[in-house]
Structure formats: C-alpha cells, structure tokens
Amino acid sequence: MKSLHDSKMEFMYNQSPMHGTFIVLEGPDGAGTSLHAKLLAERLEQAGKKVLRTAEPTEGPIGAWIREILRGREVMPASALQMLFTADRAWHVERVIRPALLEGTVVVSDRYSLSTVAYGTVQGLDQQWLKDANKGFPQPDCVILTLPTLDVCLERLGRREERDIFEQKEVQEKLHDVYLDLAAHDPSLAVIDTDGEKQAVADDVWEAVQDAIGS
C-alpha cells in the first residue's frame, strides 16, 4: 500500500476555453480576504463587469461538513480534512466556477487551492503532495495574497466571538510563516499588505488585477 506522501489524488478537467477571468484572494485568518473579495467584486460591477463572488469552503454539501469540523464539532485527521477541502473544490469548480467562466464572468473567490497548500503544510502534510492533489483544477488568472503583519492578524482574530480550529495563536504563527515562504517562491502571487486603511488597500488590490481583467 502506498503511503500518504507517495500517493497522488488529482482532479482533472476539460480544458476547453473559458472566456471569463478568475481572481482569487488568499491569506491567513484575519488578513482581510473576505472584505477585499467583497470590495473588489463591487468595484468590478461598478466598472460594468459581470461578476460572481464566491468562497471556500462552499455552501455545498461537502463545504457544510467542513464548517462543522472547523467549529470543532467533529475530529478529522489532517489528511482527510484537506482532501475534504479538495473535494469541496471539485464541487465548486463544476457547479460554480467553471460555468461562470464559460459565460465570460469575472469570478472572485475568497480562497482556493493555495489555502489547502498553506493550511495542510501547517498541519504537517507534505507540501508537494498537497500541490499535486490540486494541480488539475483551473488555475486563477490572478492570485492576490493578502498578508498583513502577524500582530495585525492576531489582533483582528481577537475581536471575533467565535474561532475555528485554525484560529489559534500557535497555528497562526506557523501559517504566517508558510505564506511568507510561499510568496518568496512564487513571483506570480500579488502580495498586498493589508495593515493599512481599507480604501487604500482596496486600491492596491484593484491595481493588482488590472492585467488580468484587461483594463
């Protein structure tokens, strides 16, 4: 029997042309992915673009199960949890992302495959195995990595009434380092410091997506 690190689980898709634009916002908890996905989608709509804003985990059946696990209501091994995220992504692509892109829509997603790589790495899983499991998915046209300082992330998390299993200081310290390392080794990521004033950061995000949306 193959070990976890030796085995491969790849999702492959029909690579027919998709005429929309796929933009993803990634980052640690408290980095502002949800806020800036919302602000970006609104600005794109104001610019006359047809836009779909979505997120992972999804509202689909697997996403609902993941949310229960993240709330600590069920214990799941790290490898199984990250494969649930990947399976949820497969549902997301087939039911939401791909149909929208085929219609020429700008899809703005709050998290995608880089989150599985980052969070799975923090859980001690092999990073290459995580990348291999997700490499068959459609690749974003632009990935914005929202990356404020660790102190800012922790301060924002401290204001939340409820936290999931990843939103703990020790996990976030490791996660922040993982994202820094991913950014250092992937020049395609548009890294944006979200420490600053909301509108100034939104302007930086807007500038970062201009090549992707053809403006």
N, C-alpha and C. Protein backbone atom coordinates (compact mmCIF):
# COMPACT_ATOMS: atom_id res chain seq x y z
N MET A 1 0.84 -1.20 0.00
CA MET A 1 0.00 0.00 0.00
C MET A 1 0.88 1.25 0.00
N LYS A 2 0.53 2.23 -0.83
CA LYS A 2 1.31 3.45 -0.89
C LYS A 2 1.09 4.30 0.35
N SER A 3 2.13 5.01 0.75
CA SER A 3 1.99 5.94 1.86
C SER A 3 1.27 7.18 1.39
N LEU A 4 0.86 8.01 2.34
CA LEU A 4 0.19 9.27 2.01
C LEU A 4 1.05 10.11 1.11
N HIS A 5 2.34 10.21 1.39
CA HIS A 5 3.23 11.08 0.63
C HIS A 5 3.52 10.53 -0.76
N ASP A 6 3.41 9.21 -0.94
CA ASP A 6 3.68 8.62 -2.24
C ASP A 6 2.46 8.63 -3.15
N SER A 7 1.27 8.63 -2.55
CA SER A 7 0.05 8.54 -3.34
C SER A 7 -0.29 9.88 -3.97
N LYS A 8 -1.06 9.82 -5.06
CA LYS A 8 -1.50 11.03 -5.74
C LYS A 8 -3.01 11.01 -5.87
N MET A 9 -3.61 12.19 -5.72
CA MET A 9 -5.04 12.33 -5.93
C MET A 9 -5.22 13.59 -6.74
N GLU A 10 -5.51 13.46 -8.01
CA GLU A 10 -5.58 14.62 -8.89
C GLU A 10 -6.98 14.74 -9.48
N PHE A 11 -7.48 15.97 -9.55
CA PHE A 11 -8.74 16.26 -10.19
C PHE A 11 -8.41 16.90 -11.53
N MET A 12 -8.86 16.30 -12.62
CA MET A 12 -8.57 16.81 -13.95
C MET A 12 -9.86 17.25 -14.62
N TYR A 13 -9.77 18.34 -15.39
CA TYR A 13 -10.94 18.93 -16.00
C TYR A 13 -10.76 19.16 -17.49
N ASN A 14 -11.86 19.14 -18.19
CA ASN A 14 -11.87 19.51 -19.60
C ASN A 14 -11.28 20.90 -19.74
N GLN A 15 -10.27 21.03 -20.57
CA GLN A 15 -9.57 22.31 -20.69
C GLN A 15 -10.08 23.15 -21.85
N SER A 16 -11.38 23.05 -22.18
CA SER A 16 -11.95 23.88 -23.22
C SER A 16 -11.84 25.34 -22.81
N PRO A 17 -11.74 26.26 -23.78
CA PRO A 17 -11.51 27.68 -23.47
C PRO A 17 -12.59 28.26 -22.56
N MET A 18 -12.16 29.01 -21.57
CA MET A 18 -13.07 29.72 -20.68
C MET A 18 -12.81 31.20 -20.84
N HIS A 19 -13.83 31.96 -21.11
CA HIS A 19 -13.66 33.34 -21.52
C HIS A 19 -13.76 34.35 -20.38
N GLY A 20 -14.06 33.86 -19.20
CA GLY A 20 -14.11 34.76 -18.06
C GLY A 20 -12.74 34.97 -17.45
N THR A 21 -12.71 35.64 -16.31
CA THR A 21 -11.47 35.91 -15.58
C THR A 21 -11.63 35.37 -14.16
N PHE A 22 -10.63 34.67 -13.70
CA PHE A 22 -10.69 34.02 -12.40
C PHE A 22 -9.68 34.68 -11.46
N ILE A 23 -10.20 35.33 -10.42
CA ILE A 23 -9.37 36.04 -9.45
C ILE A 23 -9.58 35.42 -8.07
N VAL A 24 -8.49 35.14 -7.39
CA VAL A 24 -8.56 34.51 -6.06
C VAL A 24 -7.84 35.38 -5.04
N LEU A 25 -8.45 35.52 -3.86
CA LEU A 25 -7.79 36.19 -2.73
C LEU A 25 -7.47 35.15 -1.68
N GLU A 26 -6.21 35.14 -1.26
CA GLU A 26 -5.73 34.18 -0.28
C GLU A 26 -5.07 34.91 0.89
N GLY A 27 -4.80 34.17 1.96
CA GLY A 27 -4.10 34.75 3.09
C GLY A 27 -4.46 34.08 4.39
N PRO A 28 -3.71 34.37 5.45
CA PRO A 28 -4.02 33.80 6.76
C PRO A 28 -5.32 34.35 7.31
N ASP A 29 -5.80 33.78 8.39
CA ASP A 29 -7.01 34.29 9.03
C ASP A 29 -6.75 35.69 9.55
N GLY A 30 -7.73 36.56 9.35
CA GLY A 30 -7.58 37.94 9.77
C GLY A 30 -6.86 38.81 8.76
N ALA A 31 -6.57 38.26 7.59
CA ALA A 31 -5.83 39.02 6.57
C ALA A 31 -6.74 39.91 5.74
N GLY A 32 -8.04 39.66 5.77
CA GLY A 32 -8.96 40.50 5.01
C GLY A 32 -9.39 39.93 3.67
N THR A 33 -9.28 38.62 3.48
CA THR A 33 -9.67 38.04 2.19
C THR A 33 -11.15 38.27 1.89
N SER A 34 -12.00 38.07 2.87
CA SER A 34 -13.44 38.21 2.64
C SER A 34 -13.81 39.67 2.36
N LEU A 35 -13.27 40.57 3.15
CA LEU A 35 -13.55 42.00 2.96
C LEU A 35 -13.12 42.46 1.58
N HIS A 36 -11.90 42.12 1.19
CA HIS A 36 -11.39 42.65 -0.06
C HIS A 36 -11.92 41.90 -1.28
N ALA A 37 -12.37 40.66 -1.10
CA ALA A 37 -13.10 40.00 -2.18
C ALA A 37 -14.41 40.73 -2.44
N LYS A 38 -15.08 41.12 -1.37
CA LYS A 38 -16.34 41.87 -1.49
C LYS A 38 -16.12 43.23 -2.14
N LEU A 39 -15.13 43.97 -1.67
CA LEU A 39 -14.87 45.30 -2.21
C LEU A 39 -14.45 45.23 -3.68
N LEU A 40 -13.64 44.23 -4.01
CA LEU A 40 -13.20 44.07 -5.40
C LEU A 40 -14.38 43.74 -6.30
N ALA A 41 -15.23 42.82 -5.87
CA ALA A 41 -16.39 42.45 -6.67
C ALA A 41 -17.29 43.65 -6.91
N GLU A 42 -17.50 44.45 -5.89
CA GLU A 42 -18.34 45.65 -6.03
C GLU A 42 -17.72 46.63 -7.02
N ARG A 43 -16.43 46.80 -6.97
CA ARG A 43 -15.76 47.74 -7.86
C ARG A 43 -15.79 47.24 -9.31
N LEU A 44 -15.64 45.94 -9.49
CA LEU A 44 -15.74 45.36 -10.82
C LEU A 44 -17.13 45.56 -11.40
N GLU A 45 -18.15 45.38 -10.57
CA GLU A 45 -19.52 45.60 -11.03
C GLU A 45 -19.73 47.06 -11.42
N GLN A 46 -19.17 47.97 -10.62
CA GLN A 46 -19.29 49.39 -10.94
C GLN A 46 -18.60 49.73 -12.26
N ALA A 47 -17.58 48.93 -12.61
CA ALA A 47 -16.85 49.13 -13.87
C ALA A 47 -17.55 48.45 -15.05
N GLY A 48 -18.72 47.86 -14.79
CA GLY A 48 -19.51 47.27 -15.86
C GLY A 48 -19.24 45.81 -16.12
N LYS A 49 -18.50 45.16 -15.23
CA LYS A 49 -18.19 43.74 -15.41
C LYS A 49 -19.30 42.86 -14.83
N LYS A 50 -19.50 41.72 -15.47
CA LYS A 50 -20.38 40.70 -14.91
C LYS A 50 -19.55 39.91 -13.91
N VAL A 51 -19.98 39.88 -12.65
CA VAL A 51 -19.14 39.37 -11.57
C VAL A 51 -19.88 38.32 -10.74
N LEU A 52 -19.15 37.30 -10.35
CA LEU A 52 -19.64 36.32 -9.38
C LEU A 52 -18.65 36.27 -8.23
N ARG A 53 -19.13 36.54 -7.01
CA ARG A 53 -18.28 36.42 -5.82
C ARG A 53 -18.62 35.12 -5.12
N THR A 54 -17.60 34.35 -4.79
CA THR A 54 -17.81 33.05 -4.17
C THR A 54 -16.73 32.82 -3.12
N ALA A 55 -16.77 31.68 -2.45
CA ALA A 55 -15.82 31.45 -1.35
C ALA A 55 -15.67 29.96 -1.09
N GLU A 56 -14.57 29.62 -0.43
CA GLU A 56 -14.34 28.26 0.06
C GLU A 56 -14.01 28.33 1.55
N PRO A 57 -14.49 27.34 2.36
CA PRO A 57 -15.35 26.25 1.92
C PRO A 57 -16.68 26.78 1.39
N THR A 58 -17.30 26.01 0.49
CA THR A 58 -18.50 26.45 -0.19
C THR A 58 -19.74 26.23 0.68
N GLU A 59 -20.88 26.60 0.08
CA GLU A 59 -22.16 26.32 0.73
C GLU A 59 -22.71 24.97 0.28
N GLY A 60 -21.92 24.22 -0.46
CA GLY A 60 -22.35 22.90 -0.92
C GLY A 60 -22.32 21.86 0.18
N PRO A 61 -22.68 20.63 -0.12
CA PRO A 61 -22.78 19.59 0.91
C PRO A 61 -21.45 19.29 1.61
N ILE A 62 -20.34 19.26 0.86
CA ILE A 62 -19.05 18.99 1.49
C ILE A 62 -18.59 20.20 2.28
N GLY A 63 -18.84 21.39 1.74
CA GLY A 63 -18.47 22.61 2.46
C GLY A 63 -19.18 22.73 3.80
N ALA A 64 -20.45 22.33 3.83
CA ALA A 64 -21.20 22.37 5.09
C ALA A 64 -20.58 21.43 6.13
N TRP A 65 -20.12 20.28 5.69
CA TRP A 65 -19.47 19.32 6.59
C TRP A 65 -18.16 19.91 7.11
N ILE A 66 -17.40 20.53 6.22
CA ILE A 66 -16.13 21.16 6.63
C ILE A 66 -16.36 22.20 7.70
N ARG A 67 -17.40 23.00 7.54
CA ARG A 67 -17.67 24.05 8.53
C ARG A 67 -17.94 23.47 9.91
N GLU A 68 -18.61 22.33 9.94
CA GLU A 68 -18.85 21.66 11.22
C GLU A 68 -17.53 21.20 11.84
N ILE A 69 -16.65 20.67 11.03
CA ILE A 69 -15.34 20.21 11.52
C ILE A 69 -14.54 21.39 12.05
N LEU A 70 -14.54 22.50 11.31
CA LEU A 70 -13.77 23.68 11.71
C LEU A 70 -14.27 24.26 13.03
N ARG A 71 -15.55 24.07 13.31
CA ARG A 71 -16.09 24.54 14.58
C ARG A 71 -15.75 23.60 15.73
N GLY A 72 -15.05 22.51 15.42
CA GLY A 72 -14.65 21.57 16.46
C GLY A 72 -15.70 20.57 16.83
N ARG A 73 -16.73 20.44 16.00
CA ARG A 73 -17.83 19.52 16.32
C ARG A 73 -17.55 18.10 15.87
N GLU A 74 -16.45 17.90 15.16
CA GLU A 74 -16.07 16.57 14.71
C GLU A 74 -14.55 16.56 14.54
N VAL A 75 -13.91 15.49 14.96
CA VAL A 75 -12.46 15.37 14.82
C VAL A 75 -12.15 14.68 13.50
N MET A 76 -11.20 15.24 12.75
CA MET A 76 -10.86 14.70 11.44
C MET A 76 -9.34 14.70 11.28
N PRO A 77 -8.73 13.60 10.84
CA PRO A 77 -7.29 13.61 10.58
C PRO A 77 -6.95 14.68 9.55
N ALA A 78 -5.73 15.21 9.66
CA ALA A 78 -5.32 16.32 8.79
C ALA A 78 -5.44 15.96 7.31
N SER A 79 -4.98 14.78 6.94
CA SER A 79 -5.03 14.40 5.52
C SER A 79 -6.47 14.30 5.03
N ALA A 80 -7.33 13.75 5.85
CA ALA A 80 -8.74 13.62 5.46
C ALA A 80 -9.40 15.00 5.35
N LEU A 81 -9.08 15.89 6.27
CA LEU A 81 -9.66 17.23 6.22
C LEU A 81 -9.24 17.96 4.95
N GLN A 82 -7.96 17.90 4.61
CA GLN A 82 -7.52 18.60 3.41
C GLN A 82 -8.06 17.96 2.14
N MET A 83 -8.29 16.67 2.15
CA MET A 83 -8.94 16.05 0.99
C MET A 83 -10.41 16.43 0.91
N LEU A 84 -11.03 16.70 2.05
CA LEU A 84 -12.40 17.22 2.01
C LEU A 84 -12.41 18.61 1.37
N PHE A 85 -11.43 19.46 1.74
CA PHE A 85 -11.32 20.77 1.11
C PHE A 85 -11.14 20.62 -0.41
N THR A 86 -10.33 19.64 -0.81
CA THR A 86 -10.08 19.43 -2.23
C THR A 86 -11.33 18.90 -2.94
N ALA A 87 -12.05 18.01 -2.29
CA ALA A 87 -13.30 17.52 -2.86
C ALA A 87 -14.34 18.63 -2.96
N ASP A 88 -14.38 19.49 -1.95
CA ASP A 88 -15.28 20.64 -1.99
C ASP A 88 -14.90 21.56 -3.16
N ARG A 89 -13.60 21.67 -3.41
CA ARG A 89 -13.13 22.48 -4.54
C ARG A 89 -13.58 21.89 -5.87
N ALA A 90 -13.56 20.56 -5.97
CA ALA A 90 -14.04 19.91 -7.18
C ALA A 90 -15.52 20.24 -7.42
N TRP A 91 -16.32 20.19 -6.36
CA TRP A 91 -17.74 20.57 -6.45
C TRP A 91 -17.85 22.04 -6.86
N HIS A 92 -17.04 22.88 -6.25
CA HIS A 92 -17.05 24.32 -6.50
C HIS A 92 -16.75 24.62 -7.97
N VAL A 93 -15.73 23.95 -8.50
CA VAL A 93 -15.34 24.17 -9.90
C VAL A 93 -16.46 23.75 -10.84
N GLU A 94 -17.00 22.56 -10.61
CA GLU A 94 -18.00 22.03 -11.54
C GLU A 94 -19.35 22.75 -11.45
N ARG A 95 -19.75 23.13 -10.25
CA ARG A 95 -21.08 23.71 -10.07
C ARG A 95 -21.10 25.24 -10.15
N VAL A 96 -19.98 25.88 -9.84
CA VAL A 96 -19.99 27.34 -9.71
C VAL A 96 -18.97 28.02 -10.62
N ILE A 97 -17.69 27.70 -10.43
CA ILE A 97 -16.62 28.46 -11.08
C ILE A 97 -16.60 28.25 -12.59
N ARG A 98 -16.52 27.01 -13.01
CA ARG A 98 -16.40 26.74 -14.45
C ARG A 98 -17.60 27.24 -15.25
N PRO A 99 -18.85 26.99 -14.83
CA PRO A 99 -19.98 27.53 -15.60
C PRO A 99 -19.93 29.05 -15.74
N ALA A 100 -19.53 29.73 -14.67
CA ALA A 100 -19.46 31.20 -14.73
C ALA A 100 -18.37 31.66 -15.69
N LEU A 101 -17.21 31.00 -15.65
CA LEU A 101 -16.12 31.38 -16.54
C LEU A 101 -16.48 31.12 -18.00
N LEU A 102 -17.20 30.06 -18.26
CA LEU A 102 -17.62 29.77 -19.63
C LEU A 102 -18.57 30.83 -20.16
N GLU A 103 -19.27 31.52 -19.26
CA GLU A 103 -20.18 32.59 -19.67
C GLU A 103 -19.50 33.94 -19.75
N GLY A 104 -18.18 33.97 -19.49
CA GLY A 104 -17.45 35.23 -19.57
C GLY A 104 -17.50 36.08 -18.32
N THR A 105 -17.88 35.48 -17.20
CA THR A 105 -17.99 36.20 -15.94
C THR A 105 -16.63 36.36 -15.27
N VAL A 106 -16.46 37.45 -14.52
CA VAL A 106 -15.30 37.60 -13.65
C VAL A 106 -15.64 36.91 -12.33
N VAL A 107 -14.93 35.85 -11.99
CA VAL A 107 -15.17 35.12 -10.75
C VAL A 107 -14.15 35.58 -9.72
N VAL A 108 -14.65 36.04 -8.56
CA VAL A 108 -13.79 36.46 -7.46
C VAL A 108 -14.02 35.48 -6.31
N SER A 109 -12.99 34.71 -5.99
CA SER A 109 -13.14 33.69 -4.95
C SER A 109 -12.32 34.03 -3.71
N ASP A 110 -12.98 33.97 -2.58
CA ASP A 110 -12.34 34.11 -1.28
C ASP A 110 -11.80 32.73 -0.90
N ARG A 111 -10.53 32.49 -1.25
CA ARG A 111 -9.78 31.25 -1.03
C ARG A 111 -9.98 30.24 -2.16
N TYR A 112 -8.91 29.43 -2.35
CA TYR A 112 -8.90 28.40 -3.39
C TYR A 112 -7.79 27.41 -3.01
N SER A 113 -7.08 26.88 -3.96
CA SER A 113 -6.16 25.78 -3.69
C SER A 113 -4.95 26.16 -2.84
N LEU A 114 -4.51 27.42 -2.90
CA LEU A 114 -3.35 27.81 -2.10
C LEU A 114 -3.65 27.67 -0.60
N SER A 115 -4.90 27.83 -0.22
CA SER A 115 -5.26 27.64 1.19
C SER A 115 -5.02 26.20 1.63
N THR A 116 -5.35 25.24 0.77
CA THR A 116 -5.10 23.85 1.10
C THR A 116 -3.61 23.60 1.26
N VAL A 117 -2.81 24.17 0.37
CA VAL A 117 -1.36 24.02 0.47
C VAL A 117 -0.85 24.61 1.77
N ALA A 118 -1.29 25.82 2.10
CA ALA A 118 -0.78 26.51 3.29
C ALA A 118 -1.25 25.84 4.58
N TYR A 119 -2.54 25.63 4.72
CA TYR A 119 -3.07 25.07 5.96
C TYR A 119 -2.65 23.61 6.13
N GLY A 120 -2.60 22.87 5.01
CA GLY A 120 -2.14 21.49 5.10
C GLY A 120 -0.69 21.39 5.52
N THR A 121 0.14 22.33 5.03
CA THR A 121 1.54 22.36 5.43
C THR A 121 1.66 22.59 6.93
N VAL A 122 0.87 23.52 7.45
CA VAL A 122 0.88 23.79 8.89
C VAL A 122 0.48 22.56 9.68
N GLN A 123 -0.40 21.74 9.11
CA GLN A 123 -0.83 20.51 9.79
C GLN A 123 0.19 19.38 9.67
N GLY A 124 1.30 19.64 8.99
CA GLY A 124 2.35 18.64 8.90
C GLY A 124 2.30 17.75 7.68
N LEU A 125 1.43 18.08 6.72
CA LEU A 125 1.33 17.29 5.50
C LEU A 125 2.41 17.70 4.50
N ASP A 126 2.74 16.79 3.62
CA ASP A 126 3.76 17.06 2.61
C ASP A 126 3.24 18.10 1.63
N GLN A 127 3.99 19.19 1.46
CA GLN A 127 3.52 20.28 0.63
C GLN A 127 3.39 19.88 -0.84
N GLN A 128 4.33 19.10 -1.34
CA GLN A 128 4.25 18.69 -2.74
C GLN A 128 3.04 17.79 -2.98
N TRP A 129 2.73 16.95 -2.03
CA TRP A 129 1.54 16.09 -2.14
C TRP A 129 0.28 16.94 -2.22
N LEU A 130 0.22 17.98 -1.41
CA LEU A 130 -0.93 18.89 -1.44
C LEU A 130 -1.03 19.61 -2.78
N LYS A 131 0.11 20.06 -3.30
CA LYS A 131 0.11 20.73 -4.60
C LYS A 131 -0.33 19.78 -5.71
N ASP A 132 0.18 18.55 -5.66
CA ASP A 132 -0.18 17.57 -6.68
C ASP A 132 -1.67 17.26 -6.67
N ALA A 133 -2.25 17.20 -5.49
CA ALA A 133 -3.67 16.89 -5.36
C ALA A 133 -4.55 17.98 -5.96
N ASN A 134 -4.00 19.18 -6.12
CA ASN A 134 -4.80 20.32 -6.60
C ASN A 134 -4.39 20.85 -7.96
N LYS A 135 -3.38 20.25 -8.58
CA LYS A 135 -2.85 20.85 -9.80
C LYS A 135 -3.75 20.68 -11.02
N GLY A 136 -4.74 19.79 -10.95
CA GLY A 136 -5.64 19.62 -12.09
C GLY A 136 -6.76 20.63 -12.17
N PHE A 137 -6.93 21.44 -11.14
CA PHE A 137 -8.00 22.43 -11.15
C PHE A 137 -7.67 23.60 -12.07
N PRO A 138 -8.68 24.30 -12.59
CA PRO A 138 -8.41 25.52 -13.36
C PRO A 138 -7.56 26.49 -12.55
N GLN A 139 -6.55 27.07 -13.19
CA GLN A 139 -5.65 27.98 -12.50
C GLN A 139 -6.18 29.40 -12.56
N PRO A 140 -6.11 30.14 -11.47
CA PRO A 140 -6.57 31.53 -11.48
C PRO A 140 -5.74 32.40 -12.43
N ASP A 141 -6.37 33.43 -12.95
CA ASP A 141 -5.66 34.42 -13.75
C ASP A 141 -4.86 35.37 -12.87
N CYS A 142 -5.30 35.51 -11.63
CA CYS A 142 -4.61 36.39 -10.69
C CYS A 142 -4.87 35.90 -9.27
N VAL A 143 -3.81 35.78 -8.49
CA VAL A 143 -3.94 35.41 -7.07
C VAL A 143 -3.39 36.56 -6.24
N ILE A 144 -4.27 37.13 -5.44
CA ILE A 144 -3.89 38.19 -4.50
C ILE A 144 -3.63 37.56 -3.15
N LEU A 145 -2.43 37.69 -2.63
CA LEU A 145 -2.11 37.19 -1.30
C LEU A 145 -2.17 38.37 -0.33
N THR A 146 -3.24 38.42 0.45
CA THR A 146 -3.38 39.48 1.45
C THR A 146 -2.56 39.07 2.66
N LEU A 147 -1.56 39.87 2.99
CA LEU A 147 -0.61 39.45 4.02
C LEU A 147 -0.20 40.62 4.91
N PRO A 148 -1.00 40.90 5.92
CA PRO A 148 -0.60 41.91 6.90
C PRO A 148 0.42 41.30 7.86
N THR A 149 0.86 42.08 8.82
CA THR A 149 1.77 41.55 9.83
C THR A 149 1.02 40.55 10.72
N LEU A 150 1.76 39.66 11.34
CA LEU A 150 1.16 38.67 12.22
C LEU A 150 0.39 39.35 13.35
N ASP A 151 0.94 40.41 13.93
CA ASP A 151 0.28 41.09 15.04
C ASP A 151 -1.09 41.61 14.63
N VAL A 152 -1.20 42.11 13.41
CA VAL A 152 -2.49 42.62 12.93
C VAL A 152 -3.48 41.47 12.78
N CYS A 153 -3.03 40.36 12.22
CA CYS A 153 -3.91 39.19 12.09
C CYS A 153 -4.43 38.75 13.46
N LEU A 154 -3.53 38.65 14.42
CA LEU A 154 -3.92 38.19 15.75
C LEU A 154 -4.86 39.17 16.43
N GLU A 155 -4.61 40.46 16.22
CA GLU A 155 -5.49 41.48 16.82
C GLU A 155 -6.89 41.37 16.24
N ARG A 156 -7.00 41.16 14.94
CA ARG A 156 -8.31 41.03 14.30
C ARG A 156 -9.01 39.77 14.76
N LEU A 157 -8.27 38.67 14.87
CA LEU A 157 -8.87 37.43 15.34
C LEU A 157 -9.37 37.57 16.77
N GLY A 158 -8.67 38.38 17.56
CA GLY A 158 -9.06 38.58 18.96
C GLY A 158 -10.41 39.24 19.11
N ARG A 159 -10.87 39.91 18.04
CA ARG A 159 -12.17 40.58 18.10
C ARG A 159 -13.33 39.65 17.75
N ARG A 160 -13.01 38.46 17.26
CA ARG A 160 -14.06 37.53 16.86
C ARG A 160 -14.65 36.81 18.06
N GLU A 161 -15.97 36.68 18.06
CA GLU A 161 -16.64 36.00 19.16
C GLU A 161 -16.41 34.49 19.11
N GLU A 162 -16.33 33.94 17.91
CA GLU A 162 -16.10 32.52 17.74
C GLU A 162 -14.88 32.30 16.87
N ARG A 163 -14.11 31.26 17.17
CA ARG A 163 -12.94 30.94 16.37
C ARG A 163 -13.00 29.48 15.95
N ASP A 164 -12.44 29.21 14.76
CA ASP A 164 -12.40 27.81 14.33
C ASP A 164 -11.09 27.18 14.80
N ILE A 165 -10.88 25.93 14.44
CA ILE A 165 -9.74 25.17 14.97
C ILE A 165 -8.40 25.71 14.49
N PHE A 166 -8.39 26.49 13.41
CA PHE A 166 -7.14 27.06 12.91
C PHE A 166 -6.85 28.44 13.50
N GLU A 167 -7.85 29.06 14.10
CA GLU A 167 -7.70 30.45 14.53
C GLU A 167 -7.14 30.55 15.95
N GLN A 168 -6.03 29.88 16.16
CA GLN A 168 -5.32 29.89 17.43
C GLN A 168 -3.93 30.48 17.20
N LYS A 169 -3.39 31.13 18.21
CA LYS A 169 -2.14 31.87 18.03
C LYS A 169 -1.01 31.00 17.49
N GLU A 170 -0.82 29.82 18.06
CA GLU A 170 0.30 28.96 17.64
C GLU A 170 0.15 28.54 16.17
N VAL A 171 -1.08 28.24 15.76
CA VAL A 171 -1.33 27.86 14.37
C VAL A 171 -1.09 29.04 13.45
N GLN A 172 -1.57 30.20 13.86
CA GLN A 172 -1.44 31.38 13.01
C GLN A 172 0.01 31.83 12.84
N GLU A 173 0.82 31.64 13.87
CA GLU A 173 2.24 31.97 13.75
C GLU A 173 2.89 31.12 12.67
N LYS A 174 2.60 29.83 12.68
CA LYS A 174 3.15 28.93 11.67
C LYS A 174 2.59 29.25 10.29
N LEU A 175 1.29 29.54 10.25
CA LEU A 175 0.63 29.82 8.98
C LEU A 175 1.20 31.07 8.31
N HIS A 176 1.45 32.08 9.10
CA HIS A 176 2.01 33.32 8.56
C HIS A 176 3.37 33.06 7.93
N ASP A 177 4.17 32.24 8.60
CA ASP A 177 5.49 31.89 8.05
C ASP A 177 5.36 31.09 6.76
N VAL A 178 4.39 30.19 6.70
CA VAL A 178 4.19 29.40 5.49
C VAL A 178 3.81 30.29 4.31
N TYR A 179 2.90 31.23 4.56
CA TYR A 179 2.51 32.14 3.48
C TYR A 179 3.69 33.01 3.02
N LEU A 180 4.50 33.46 3.96
CA LEU A 180 5.69 34.23 3.58
C LEU A 180 6.61 33.39 2.69
N ASP A 181 6.77 32.12 3.03
CA ASP A 181 7.63 31.24 2.25
C ASP A 181 7.04 30.98 0.86
N LEU A 182 5.73 30.76 0.80
CA LEU A 182 5.07 30.56 -0.49
C LEU A 182 5.24 31.78 -1.39
N ALA A 183 5.09 32.97 -0.80
CA ALA A 183 5.25 34.21 -1.56
C ALA A 183 6.67 34.36 -2.08
N ALA A 184 7.64 33.97 -1.26
CA ALA A 184 9.04 34.11 -1.64
C ALA A 184 9.41 33.20 -2.81
N HIS A 185 8.67 32.10 -2.97
CA HIS A 185 9.00 31.13 -4.02
C HIS A 185 8.04 31.16 -5.20
N ASP A 186 7.08 32.09 -5.18
CA ASP A 186 6.13 32.17 -6.29
C ASP A 186 5.93 33.63 -6.69
N PRO A 187 6.69 34.11 -7.68
CA PRO A 187 6.59 35.51 -8.09
C PRO A 187 5.26 35.86 -8.75
N SER A 188 4.46 34.86 -9.09
CA SER A 188 3.16 35.16 -9.71
C SER A 188 2.14 35.68 -8.70
N LEU A 189 2.40 35.46 -7.41
CA LEU A 189 1.48 35.95 -6.38
C LEU A 189 1.63 37.47 -6.22
N ALA A 190 0.49 38.15 -6.19
CA ALA A 190 0.49 39.59 -5.93
C ALA A 190 0.31 39.79 -4.43
N VAL A 191 1.40 40.08 -3.74
CA VAL A 191 1.37 40.19 -2.27
C VAL A 191 1.01 41.62 -1.87
N ILE A 192 -0.05 41.75 -1.06
CA ILE A 192 -0.52 43.06 -0.65
C ILE A 192 -0.62 43.12 0.87
N ASP A 193 0.05 44.10 1.44
CA ASP A 193 0.00 44.34 2.89
C ASP A 193 -1.35 44.97 3.22
N THR A 194 -2.15 44.27 4.01
CA THR A 194 -3.48 44.78 4.34
C THR A 194 -3.53 45.41 5.74
N ASP A 195 -2.37 45.84 6.23
CA ASP A 195 -2.34 46.54 7.52
C ASP A 195 -3.04 47.89 7.46
N GLY A 196 -3.01 48.52 6.29
CA GLY A 196 -3.41 49.93 6.18
C GLY A 196 -4.90 50.18 6.12
N GLU A 197 -5.22 51.43 5.78
CA GLU A 197 -6.61 51.87 5.69
C GLU A 197 -7.33 51.11 4.60
N LYS A 198 -8.59 50.77 4.86
CA LYS A 198 -9.36 49.87 3.99
C LYS A 198 -9.37 50.32 2.53
N GLN A 199 -9.64 51.58 2.27
CA GLN A 199 -9.74 52.04 0.90
C GLN A 199 -8.40 52.03 0.18
N ALA A 200 -7.34 52.36 0.90
CA ALA A 200 -6.01 52.34 0.30
C ALA A 200 -5.63 50.92 -0.10
N VAL A 201 -5.95 49.95 0.75
CA VAL A 201 -5.67 48.55 0.42
C VAL A 201 -6.52 48.11 -0.76
N ALA A 202 -7.80 48.51 -0.78
CA ALA A 202 -8.68 48.17 -1.89
C ALA A 202 -8.14 48.72 -3.21
N ASP A 203 -7.55 49.90 -3.16
CA ASP A 203 -6.94 50.48 -4.37
C ASP A 203 -5.75 49.63 -4.83
N ASP A 204 -4.98 49.13 -3.87
CA ASP A 204 -3.83 48.27 -4.22
C ASP A 204 -4.32 46.97 -4.87
N VAL A 205 -5.39 46.41 -4.33
CA VAL A 205 -5.96 45.19 -4.90
C VAL A 205 -6.45 45.46 -6.32
N TRP A 206 -7.11 46.57 -6.50
CA TRP A 206 -7.64 46.96 -7.81
C TRP A 206 -6.51 47.07 -8.84
N GLU A 207 -5.42 47.69 -8.45
CA GLU A 207 -4.28 47.83 -9.35
C GLU A 207 -3.70 46.47 -9.72
N ALA A 208 -3.69 45.56 -8.75
CA ALA A 208 -3.08 44.25 -8.97
C ALA A 208 -3.85 43.39 -9.95
N VAL A 209 -5.15 43.66 -10.14
CA VAL A 209 -5.95 42.81 -11.03
C VAL A 209 -6.11 43.40 -12.43
N GLN A 210 -5.52 44.54 -12.68
CA GLN A 210 -5.76 45.20 -13.95
C GLN A 210 -5.32 44.39 -15.16
N ASP A 211 -4.16 43.78 -15.09
CA ASP A 211 -3.71 42.97 -16.23
C ASP A 211 -4.64 41.79 -16.48
N ALA A 212 -5.13 41.19 -15.40
CA ALA A 212 -5.98 40.02 -15.54
C ALA A 212 -7.32 40.36 -16.18
N ILE A 213 -7.88 41.51 -15.82
CA ILE A 213 -9.21 41.85 -16.34
C ILE A 213 -9.14 42.63 -17.64
N GLY A 214 -7.92 42.92 -18.10
CA GLY A 214 -7.78 43.54 -19.41
C GLY A 214 -8.06 45.01 -19.45
N SER A 215 -7.87 45.69 -18.33
CA SER A 215 -8.12 47.14 -18.30
C SER A 215 -6.83 47.87 -18.61
